PDB file of N, CA and C in Angstrom:
ATOM      1  N   MET A   1       6.586 -15.820  -3.939  1.00  0.00           N
ATOM      2  CA  MET A   1       5.792 -14.962  -3.073  1.00  0.00           C
ATOM      3  C   MET A   1       4.325 -15.187  -3.417  1.00  0.00           C
ATOM      4  N   ASN A   2       3.500 -15.256  -2.372  1.00  0.00           N
ATOM      5  CA  ASN A   2       2.060 -15.377  -2.604  1.00  0.00           C
ATOM      6  C   ASN A   2       1.291 -14.688  -1.482  1.00  0.00           C
ATOM      7  N   ALA A   3       0.023 -14.410  -1.757  1.00  0.00           N
ATOM      8  CA  ALA A   3      -0.799 -13.640  -0.838  1.00  0.00           C
ATOM      9  C   ALA A   3      -0.976 -14.340   0.502  1.00  0.00           C
ATOM     10  N   VAL A   4      -1.155 -15.647   0.490  1.00  0.00           N
ATOM     11  CA  VAL A   4      -1.382 -16.374   1.742  1.00  0.00           C
ATOM     12  C   VAL A   4      -0.184 -16.235   2.677  1.00  0.00           C
ATOM     13  N   ASP A   5       1.019 -16.369   2.154  1.00  0.00           N
ATOM     14  CA  ASP A   5       2.215 -16.219   2.995  1.00  0.00           C
ATOM     15  C   ASP A   5       2.319 -14.813   3.582  1.00  0.00           C
ATOM     16  N   ILE A   6       1.935 -13.809   2.805  1.00  0.00           N
ATOM     17  CA  ILE A   6       1.965 -12.424   3.288  1.00  0.00           C
ATOM     18  C   ILE A   6       0.932 -12.226   4.391  1.00  0.00           C
ATOM     19  N   ILE A   7      -0.245 -12.790   4.220  1.00  0.00           N
ATOM     20  CA  ILE A   7      -1.300 -12.702   5.241  1.00  0.00           C
ATOM     21  C   ILE A   7      -0.836 -13.391   6.531  1.00  0.00           C
ATOM     22  N   ILE A   8      -0.262 -14.573   6.391  1.00  0.00           N
ATOM     23  CA  ILE A   8       0.222 -15.320   7.560  1.00  0.00           C
ATOM     24  C   ILE A   8       1.316 -14.541   8.284  1.00  0.00           C
ATOM     25  N   LYS A   9       2.212 -13.961   7.533  1.00  0.00           N
ATOM     26  CA  LYS A   9       3.304 -13.193   8.131  1.00  0.00           C
ATOM     27  C   LYS A   9       2.759 -12.035   8.961  1.00  0.00           C
ATOM     28  N   LYS A  10       1.799 -11.292   8.418  1.00  0.00           N
ATOM     29  CA  LYS A  10       1.218 -10.166   9.157  1.00  0.00           C
ATOM     30  C   LYS A  10       0.378 -10.681  10.319  1.00  0.00           C
ATOM     31  N   ARG A  11      -0.324 -11.793  10.124  1.00  0.00           N
ATOM     32  CA  ARG A  11      -1.105 -12.394  11.216  1.00  0.00           C
ATOM     33  C   ARG A  11      -0.201 -12.748  12.391  1.00  0.00           C
ATOM     34  N   ASP A  12       1.018 -13.190  12.063  1.00  0.00           N
ATOM     35  CA  ASP A  12       1.977 -13.592  13.085  1.00  0.00           C
ATOM     36  C   ASP A  12       2.820 -12.424  13.603  1.00  0.00           C
ATOM     37  N   LYS A  13       2.367 -11.219  13.335  1.00  0.00           N
ATOM     38  CA  LYS A  13       2.965  -9.988  13.866  1.00  0.00           C
ATOM     39  C   LYS A  13       4.377  -9.730  13.347  1.00  0.00           C
ATOM     40  N   GLN A  14       4.668 -10.196  12.140  1.00  0.00           N
ATOM     41  CA  GLN A  14       5.970  -9.943  11.536  1.00  0.00           C
ATOM     42  C   GLN A  14       5.868  -8.741  10.599  1.00  0.00           C
ATOM     43  N   GLN A  15       6.979  -8.069  10.403  1.00  0.00           N
ATOM     44  CA  GLN A  15       7.008  -6.895   9.529  1.00  0.00           C
ATOM     45  C   GLN A  15       7.087  -7.332   8.070  1.00  0.00           C
ATOM     46  N   LEU A  16       6.256  -6.713   7.232  1.00  0.00           N
ATOM     47  CA  LEU A  16       6.287  -6.955   5.790  1.00  0.00           C
ATOM     48  C   LEU A  16       7.328  -6.045   5.167  1.00  0.00           C
ATOM     49  N   ASP A  17       8.042  -6.550   4.170  1.00  0.00           N
ATOM     50  CA  ASP A  17       8.996  -5.691   3.471  1.00  0.00           C
ATOM     51  C   ASP A  17       8.312  -5.017   2.276  1.00  0.00           C
ATOM     52  N   ARG A  18       9.009  -4.084   1.677  1.00  0.00           N
ATOM     53  CA  ARG A  18       8.463  -3.284   0.582  1.00  0.00           C
ATOM     54  C   ARG A  18       7.976  -4.171  -0.570  1.00  0.00           C
ATOM     55  N   GLU A  19       8.746  -5.193  -0.908  1.00  0.00           N
ATOM     56  CA  GLU A  19       8.379  -6.064  -2.028  1.00  0.00           C
ATOM     57  C   GLU A  19       7.084  -6.818  -1.749  1.00  0.00           C
ATOM     58  N   GLU A  20       6.902  -7.263  -0.512  1.00  0.00           N
ATOM     59  CA  GLU A  20       5.661  -7.966  -0.155  1.00  0.00           C
ATOM     60  C   GLU A  20       4.456  -7.033  -0.236  1.00  0.00           C
ATOM     61  N   ILE A  21       4.626  -5.829   0.264  1.00  0.00           N
ATOM     62  CA  ILE A  21       3.527  -4.856   0.209  1.00  0.00           C
ATOM     63  C   ILE A  21       3.217  -4.486  -1.239  1.00  0.00           C
ATOM     64  N   ASN A  22       4.247  -4.236  -2.033  1.00  0.00           N
ATOM     65  CA  ASN A  22       4.025  -3.928  -3.453  1.00  0.00           C
ATOM     66  C   ASN A  22       3.323  -5.082  -4.163  1.00  0.00           C
ATOM     67  N   TYR A  23       3.751  -6.310  -3.883  1.00  0.00           N
ATOM     68  CA  TYR A  23       3.128  -7.494  -4.479  1.00  0.00           C
ATOM     69  C   TYR A  23       1.641  -7.539  -4.136  1.00  0.00           C
ATOM     70  N   PHE A  24       1.325  -7.299  -2.861  1.00  0.00           N
ATOM     71  CA  PHE A  24      -0.059  -7.394  -2.412  1.00  0.00           C
ATOM     72  C   PHE A  24      -0.930  -6.318  -3.055  1.00  0.00           C
ATOM     73  N   ILE A  25      -0.466  -5.087  -3.055  1.00  0.00           N
ATOM     74  CA  ILE A  25      -1.246  -3.993  -3.649  1.00  0.00           C
ATOM     75  C   ILE A  25      -1.394  -4.194  -5.146  1.00  0.00           C
ATOM     76  N   ARG A  26      -0.331  -4.596  -5.820  1.00  0.00           N
ATOM     77  CA  ARG A  26      -0.406  -4.878  -7.262  1.00  0.00           C
ATOM     78  C   ARG A  26      -1.412  -6.000  -7.526  1.00  0.00           C
ATOM     79  N   GLY A  27      -1.409  -7.029  -6.680  1.00  0.00           N
ATOM     80  CA  GLY A  27      -2.342  -8.136  -6.826  1.00  0.00           C
ATOM     81  C   GLY A  27      -3.791  -7.709  -6.648  1.00  0.00           C
ATOM     82  N   ILE A  28      -4.027  -6.813  -5.708  1.00  0.00           N
ATOM     83  CA  ILE A  28      -5.390  -6.302  -5.498  1.00  0.00           C
ATOM     84  C   ILE A  28      -5.829  -5.473  -6.700  1.00  0.00           C
ATOM     85  N   THR A  29      -4.986  -4.560  -7.139  1.00  0.00           N
ATOM     86  CA  THR A  29      -5.376  -3.670  -8.243  1.00  0.00           C
ATOM     87  C   THR A  29      -5.506  -4.410  -9.562  1.00  0.00           C
ATOM     88  N   ASN A  30      -4.807  -5.525  -9.723  1.00  0.00           N
ATOM     89  CA  ASN A  30      -4.906  -6.321 -10.952  1.00  0.00           C
ATOM     90  C   ASN A  30      -5.943  -7.432 -10.841  1.00  0.00           C
ATOM     91  N   ASN A  31      -6.715  -7.438  -9.762  1.00  0.00           N
ATOM     92  CA  ASN A  31      -7.735  -8.467  -9.513  1.00  0.00           C
ATOM     93  C   ASN A  31      -7.143  -9.874  -9.478  1.00  0.00           C
ATOM     94  N   GLU A  32      -5.895  -9.994  -9.032  1.00  0.00           N
ATOM     95  CA  GLU A  32      -5.251 -11.299  -8.894  1.00  0.00           C
ATOM     96  C   GLU A  32      -5.365 -11.836  -7.471  1.00  0.00           C
ATOM     97  N   ILE A  33      -5.659 -10.959  -6.528  1.00  0.00           N
ATOM     98  CA  ILE A  33      -5.878 -11.352  -5.138  1.00  0.00           C
ATOM     99  C   ILE A  33      -7.361 -11.175  -4.856  1.00  0.00           C
ATOM    100  N   PRO A  34      -8.046 -12.254  -4.463  1.00  0.00           N
ATOM    101  CA  PRO A  34      -9.495 -12.158  -4.232  1.00  0.00           C
ATOM    102  C   PRO A  34      -9.834 -11.306  -3.010  1.00  0.00           C
ATOM    103  N   ASP A  35     -11.060 -10.815  -2.994  1.00  0.00           N
ATOM    104  CA  ASP A  35     -11.526  -9.942  -1.915  1.00  0.00           C
ATOM    105  C   ASP A  35     -11.348 -10.575  -0.537  1.00  0.00           C
ATOM    106  N   TYR A  36     -11.604 -11.886  -0.412  1.00  0.00           N
ATOM    107  CA  TYR A  36     -11.520 -12.513   0.898  1.00  0.00           C
ATOM    108  C   TYR A  36     -10.082 -12.538   1.422  1.00  0.00           C
ATOM    109  N   GLN A  37      -9.092 -12.606   0.529  1.00  0.00           N
ATOM    110  CA  GLN A  37      -7.704 -12.529   0.982  1.00  0.00           C
ATOM    111  C   GLN A  37      -7.334 -11.093   1.345  1.00  0.00           C
ATOM    112  N   ALA A  38      -7.835 -10.134   0.594  1.00  0.00           N
ATOM    113  CA  ALA A  38      -7.605  -8.725   0.942  1.00  0.00           C
ATOM    114  C   ALA A  38      -8.227  -8.426   2.305  1.00  0.00           C
ATOM    115  N   ALA A  39      -9.410  -8.977   2.559  1.00  0.00           N
ATOM    116  CA  ALA A  39     -10.070  -8.776   3.846  1.00  0.00           C
ATOM    117  C   ALA A  39      -9.286  -9.430   4.980  1.00  0.00           C
ATOM    118  N   ALA A  40      -8.747 -10.607   4.735  1.00  0.00           N
ATOM    119  CA  ALA A  40      -7.947 -11.296   5.755  1.00  0.00           C
ATOM    120  C   ALA A  40      -6.690 -10.491   6.085  1.00  0.00           C
ATOM    121  N   TRP A  41      -6.054  -9.936   5.047  1.00  0.00           N
ATOM    122  CA  TRP A  41      -4.867  -9.112   5.263  1.00  0.00           C
ATOM    123  C   TRP A  41      -5.234  -7.847   6.055  1.00  0.00           C
ATOM    124  N   ALA A  42      -6.352  -7.213   5.680  1.00  0.00           N
ATOM    125  CA  ALA A  42      -6.788  -6.004   6.388  1.00  0.00           C
ATOM    126  C   ALA A  42      -7.089  -6.311   7.855  1.00  0.00           C
ATOM    127  N   MET A  43      -7.672  -7.472   8.134  1.00  0.00           N
ATOM    128  CA  MET A  43      -7.951  -7.873   9.514  1.00  0.00           C
ATOM    129  C   MET A  43      -6.645  -8.063  10.286  1.00  0.00           C
ATOM    130  N   ALA A  44      -5.652  -8.703   9.653  1.00  0.00           N
ATOM    131  CA  ALA A  44      -4.358  -8.901  10.305  1.00  0.00           C
ATOM    132  C   ALA A  44      -3.694  -7.563  10.607  1.00  0.00           C
ATOM    133  N   VAL A  45      -3.798  -6.623   9.689  1.00  0.00           N
ATOM    134  CA  VAL A  45      -3.238  -5.280   9.905  1.00  0.00           C
ATOM    135  C   VAL A  45      -3.989  -4.572  11.031  1.00  0.00           C
ATOM    136  N   LEU A  46      -5.304  -4.671  11.032  1.00  0.00           N
ATOM    137  CA  LEU A  46      -6.103  -4.026  12.080  1.00  0.00           C
ATOM    138  C   LEU A  46      -5.719  -4.570  13.457  1.00  0.00           C
ATOM    139  N   LEU A  47      -5.578  -5.880  13.554  1.00  0.00           N
ATOM    140  CA  LEU A  47      -5.290  -6.502  14.851  1.00  0.00           C
ATOM    141  C   LEU A  47      -3.848  -6.300  15.300  1.00  0.00           C
ATOM    142  N   ASN A  48      -2.910  -6.254  14.354  1.00  0.00           N
ATOM    143  CA  ASN A  48      -1.492  -6.234  14.707  1.00  0.00           C
ATOM    144  C   ASN A  48      -0.772  -4.935  14.374  1.00  0.00           C
ATOM    145  N   GLY A  49      -1.431  -4.050  13.645  1.00  0.00           N
ATOM    146  CA  GLY A  49      -0.825  -2.767  13.306  1.00  0.00           C
ATOM    147  C   GLY A  49       0.254  -2.887  12.242  1.00  0.00           C
ATOM    148  N   MET A  50       0.827  -1.745  11.906  1.00  0.00           N
ATOM    149  CA  MET A  50       1.911  -1.673  10.929  1.00  0.00           C
ATOM    150  C   MET A  50       2.996  -0.762  11.489  1.00  0.00           C
ATOM    151  N   THR A  51       4.218  -1.045  11.125  1.00  0.00           N
ATOM    152  CA  THR A  51       5.318  -0.169  11.512  1.00  0.00           C
ATOM    153  C   THR A  51       5.248   1.104  10.654  1.00  0.00           C
ATOM    154  N   ASP A  52       6.016   2.098  11.047  1.00  0.00           N
ATOM    155  CA  ASP A  52       6.073   3.315  10.237  1.00  0.00           C
ATOM    156  C   ASP A  52       6.569   3.004   8.829  1.00  0.00           C
ATOM    157  N   GLN A  53       7.553   2.097   8.721  1.00  0.00           N
ATOM    158  CA  GLN A  53       8.079   1.745   7.403  1.00  0.00           C
ATOM    159  C   GLN A  53       7.026   1.025   6.556  1.00  0.00           C
ATOM    160  N   GLU A  54       6.268   0.112   7.163  1.00  0.00           N
ATOM    161  CA  GLU A  54       5.197  -0.563   6.433  1.00  0.00           C
ATOM    162  C   GLU A  54       4.145   0.438   5.962  1.00  0.00           C
ATOM    163  N   THR A  55       3.807   1.377   6.827  1.00  0.00           N
ATOM    164  CA  THR A  55       2.811   2.388   6.468  1.00  0.00           C
ATOM    165  C   THR A  55       3.305   3.239   5.301  1.00  0.00           C
ATOM    166  N   THR A  56       4.570   3.625   5.352  1.00  0.00           N
ATOM    167  CA  THR A  56       5.158   4.389   4.251  1.00  0.00           C
ATOM    168  C   THR A  56       5.149   3.577   2.964  1.00  0.00           C
ATOM    169  N   ASP A  57       5.571   2.325   3.047  1.00  0.00           N
ATOM    170  CA  ASP A  57       5.613   1.464   1.855  1.00  0.00           C
ATOM    171  C   ASP A  57       4.213   1.233   1.296  1.00  0.00           C
ATOM    172  N   LEU A  58       3.236   1.054   2.179  1.00  0.00           N
ATOM    173  CA  LEU A  58       1.850   0.871   1.733  1.00  0.00           C
ATOM    174  C   LEU A  58       1.330   2.133   1.052  1.00  0.00           C
ATOM    175  N   THR A  59       1.597   3.280   1.647  1.00  0.00           N
ATOM    176  CA  THR A  59       1.159   4.554   1.063  1.00  0.00           C
ATOM    177  C   THR A  59       1.741   4.735  -0.329  1.00  0.00           C
ATOM    178  N   MET A  60       3.038   4.466  -0.472  1.00  0.00           N
ATOM    179  CA  MET A  60       3.685   4.634  -1.776  1.00  0.00           C
ATOM    180  C   MET A  60       3.165   3.607  -2.789  1.00  0.00           C
ATOM    181  N   ALA A  61       2.941   2.370  -2.347  1.00  0.00           N
ATOM    182  CA  ALA A  61       2.407   1.349  -3.254  1.00  0.00           C
ATOM    183  C   ALA A  61       1.022   1.743  -3.745  1.00  0.00           C
ATOM    184  N   MET A  62       0.202   2.282  -2.854  1.00  0.00           N
ATOM    185  CA  MET A  62      -1.140   2.714  -3.247  1.00  0.00           C
ATOM    186  C   MET A  62      -1.059   3.916  -4.191  1.00  0.00           C
ATOM    187  N   ALA A  63      -0.182   4.848  -3.870  1.00  0.00           N
ATOM    188  CA  ALA A  63      -0.055   6.039  -4.713  1.00  0.00           C
ATOM    189  C   ALA A  63       0.393   5.673  -6.118  1.00  0.00           C
ATOM    190  N   HIS A  64       1.292   4.710  -6.215  1.00  0.00           N
ATOM    191  CA  HIS A  64       1.829   4.319  -7.525  1.00  0.00           C
ATOM    192  C   HIS A  64       0.983   3.259  -8.222  1.00  0.00           C
ATOM    193  N   SER A  65      -0.121   2.855  -7.600  1.00  0.00           N
ATOM    194  CA  SER A  65      -0.977   1.831  -8.212  1.00  0.00           C
ATOM    195  C   SER A  65      -1.897   2.412  -9.287  1.00  0.00           C
ATOM    196  N   GLY A  66      -1.969   3.713  -9.352  1.00  0.00           N
ATOM    197  CA  GLY A  66      -2.818   4.368 -10.349  1.00  0.00           C
ATOM    198  C   GLY A  66      -2.010   5.363 -11.152  1.00  0.00           C
ATOM    199  N   GLN A  67      -2.702   6.149 -11.916  1.00  0.00           N
ATOM    200  CA  GLN A  67      -2.040   7.147 -12.755  1.00  0.00           C
ATOM    201  C   GLN A  67      -1.592   8.324 -11.896  1.00  0.00           C
ATOM    202  N   MET A  68      -0.368   8.776 -12.126  1.00  0.00           N
ATOM    203  CA  MET A  68       0.154   9.947 -11.421  1.00  0.00           C
ATOM    204  C   MET A  68       0.422  11.038 -12.447  1.00  0.00           C
ATOM    205  N   ILE A  69       0.132  12.259 -12.069  1.00  0.00           N
ATOM    206  CA  ILE A  69       0.303  13.400 -12.962  1.00  0.00           C
ATOM    207  C   ILE A  69       1.456  14.258 -12.461  1.00  0.00           C
ATOM    208  N   ASP A  70       2.383  14.573 -13.334  1.00  0.00           N
ATOM    209  CA  ASP A  70       3.518  15.427 -12.989  1.00  0.00           C
ATOM    210  C   ASP A  70       3.107  16.886 -13.181  1.00  0.00           C
ATOM    211  N   LEU A  71       2.993  17.594 -12.065  1.00  0.00           N
ATOM    212  CA  LEU A  71       2.593  19.003 -12.102  1.00  0.00           C
ATOM    213  C   LEU A  71       3.765  19.941 -11.836  1.00  0.00           C
ATOM    214  N   SER A  72       4.984  19.424 -11.889  1.00  0.00           N
ATOM    215  CA  SER A  72       6.155  20.232 -11.525  1.00  0.00           C
ATOM    216  C   SER A  72       6.324  21.468 -12.408  1.00  0.00           C
ATOM    217  N   LYS A  73       5.825  21.438 -13.625  1.00  0.00           N
ATOM    218  CA  LYS A  73       5.938  22.611 -14.495  1.00  0.00           C
ATOM    219  C   LYS A  73       4.830  23.632 -14.234  1.00  0.00           C
ATOM    220  N   VAL A  74       3.857  23.237 -13.433  1.00  0.00           N
ATOM    221  CA  VAL A  74       2.721  24.113 -13.150  1.00  0.00           C
ATOM    222  C   VAL A  74       2.843  24.749 -11.769  1.00  0.00           C
ATOM    223  N   ILE A  75       3.201  23.937 -10.768  1.00  0.00           N
ATOM    224  CA  ILE A  75       3.299  24.417  -9.392  1.00  0.00           C
ATOM    225  C   ILE A  75       4.532  23.807  -8.726  1.00  0.00           C
ATOM    226  N   PRO A  76       5.131  24.517  -7.755  1.00  0.00           N
ATOM    227  CA  PRO A  76       6.350  24.015  -7.119  1.00  0.00           C
ATOM    228  C   PRO A  76       6.104  22.885  -6.113  1.00  0.00           C
ATOM    229  N   ILE A  77       4.911  22.787  -5.564  1.00  0.00           N
ATOM    230  CA  ILE A  77       4.588  21.716  -4.613  1.00  0.00           C
ATOM    231  C   ILE A  77       3.192  21.207  -4.941  1.00  0.00           C
ATOM    232  N   GLU A  78       3.043  19.906  -4.818  1.00  0.00           N
ATOM    233  CA  GLU A  78       1.738  19.317  -5.084  1.00  0.00           C
ATOM    234  C   GLU A  78       1.341  18.441  -3.909  1.00  0.00           C
ATOM    235  N   VAL A  79       0.056  18.435  -3.595  1.00  0.00           N
ATOM    236  CA  VAL A  79      -0.493  17.616  -2.526  1.00  0.00           C
ATOM    237  C   VAL A  79      -1.680  16.889  -3.106  1.00  0.00           C
ATOM    238  N   ASP A  80      -1.734  15.592  -2.853  1.00  0.00           N
ATOM    239  CA  ASP A  80      -2.832  14.802  -3.395  1.00  0.00           C
ATOM    240  C   ASP A  80      -3.408  13.945  -2.290  1.00  0.00           C
ATOM    241  N   LYS A  81      -4.689  14.070  -2.039  1.00  0.00           N
ATOM    242  CA  LYS A  81      -5.388  13.254  -1.050  1.00  0.00           C
ATOM    243  C   LYS A  81      -6.131  12.174  -1.803  1.00  0.00           C
ATOM    244  N   HIS A  82      -5.692  10.921  -1.611  1.00  0.00           N
ATOM    245  CA  HIS A  82      -6.342   9.793  -2.274  1.00  0.00           C
ATOM    246  C   HIS A  82      -7.611   9.417  -1.523  1.00  0.00           C
ATOM    247  N   SER A  83      -8.585   8.898  -2.231  1.00  0.00           N
ATOM    248  CA  SER A  83      -9.834   8.499  -1.601  1.00  0.00           C
ATOM    249  C   SER A  83      -9.622   7.350  -0.622  1.00  0.00           C
ATOM    250  N   THR A  84      -8.522   6.616  -0.751  1.00  0.00           N
ATOM    251  CA  THR A  84      -8.235   5.517   0.160  1.00  0.00           C
ATOM    252  C   THR A  84      -7.557   5.987   1.435  1.00  0.00           C
ATOM    253  N   GLY A  85      -7.257   7.275   1.518  1.00  0.00           N
ATOM    254  CA  GLY A  85      -6.668   7.816   2.723  1.00  0.00           C
ATOM    255  C   GLY A  85      -5.194   8.145   2.624  1.00  0.00           C
ATOM    256  N   ALA A  86      -4.565   7.852   1.505  1.00  0.00           N
ATOM    257  CA  ALA A  86      -3.137   8.143   1.362  1.00  0.00           C
ATOM    258  C   ALA A  86      -2.933   9.618   1.059  1.00  0.00           C
ATOM    259  N   LEU A  87      -1.865  10.175   1.555  1.00  0.00           N
ATOM    260  CA  LEU A  87      -1.533  11.566   1.311  1.00  0.00           C
ATOM    261  C   LEU A  87      -0.092  11.622   0.842  1.00  0.00           C
ATOM    262  N   GLU A  88       0.128  12.287  -0.281  1.00  0.00           N
ATOM    263  CA  GLU A  88       1.472  12.387  -0.811  1.00  0.00           C
ATOM    264  C   GLU A  88       1.790  13.856  -1.080  1.00  0.00           C
ATOM    265  N   ILE A  89       2.943  14.294  -0.586  1.00  0.00           N
ATOM    266  CA  ILE A  89       3.413  15.655  -0.791  1.00  0.00           C
ATOM    267  C   ILE A  89       4.799  15.571  -1.405  1.00  0.00           C
ATOM    268  N   ARG A  90       5.006  16.310  -2.497  1.00  0.00           N
ATOM    269  CA  ARG A  90       6.330  16.325  -3.139  1.00  0.00           C
ATOM    270  C   ARG A  90       6.733  17.755  -3.397  1.00  0.00           C
ATOM    271  N   ARG A  91       7.978  18.066  -3.070  1.00  0.00           N
ATOM    272  CA  ARG A  91       8.534  19.380  -3.398  1.00  0.00           C
ATOM    273  C   ARG A  91       9.376  19.238  -4.645  1.00  0.00           C
ATOM    274  N   HIS A  92       9.327  20.240  -5.503  1.00  0.00           N
ATOM    275  CA  HIS A  92      10.090  20.207  -6.753  1.00  0.00           C
ATOM    276  C   HIS A  92      11.151  21.281  -6.749  1.00  0.00           C
TER     277      HIS A  92
END
């Protein structure tokens, strides 16, 4: 798996699977995917859109790309608005 193949797949209006999305987000956060490839992928997404499943997988990949805090012992429900636009709600 590599970033170029993922970009081409989205450019060609194909659906990305969870593993491809996780690979891409992990690559961005680890500075293994250069900015110009991230920009190319974002352009392909802008032009071709994402399915509901891709959007869900992207949201979860972004949410899990950083530190998560377990607040279940403090509050029964937690809502977190990420600066990148992701929103995650969990009931405990």
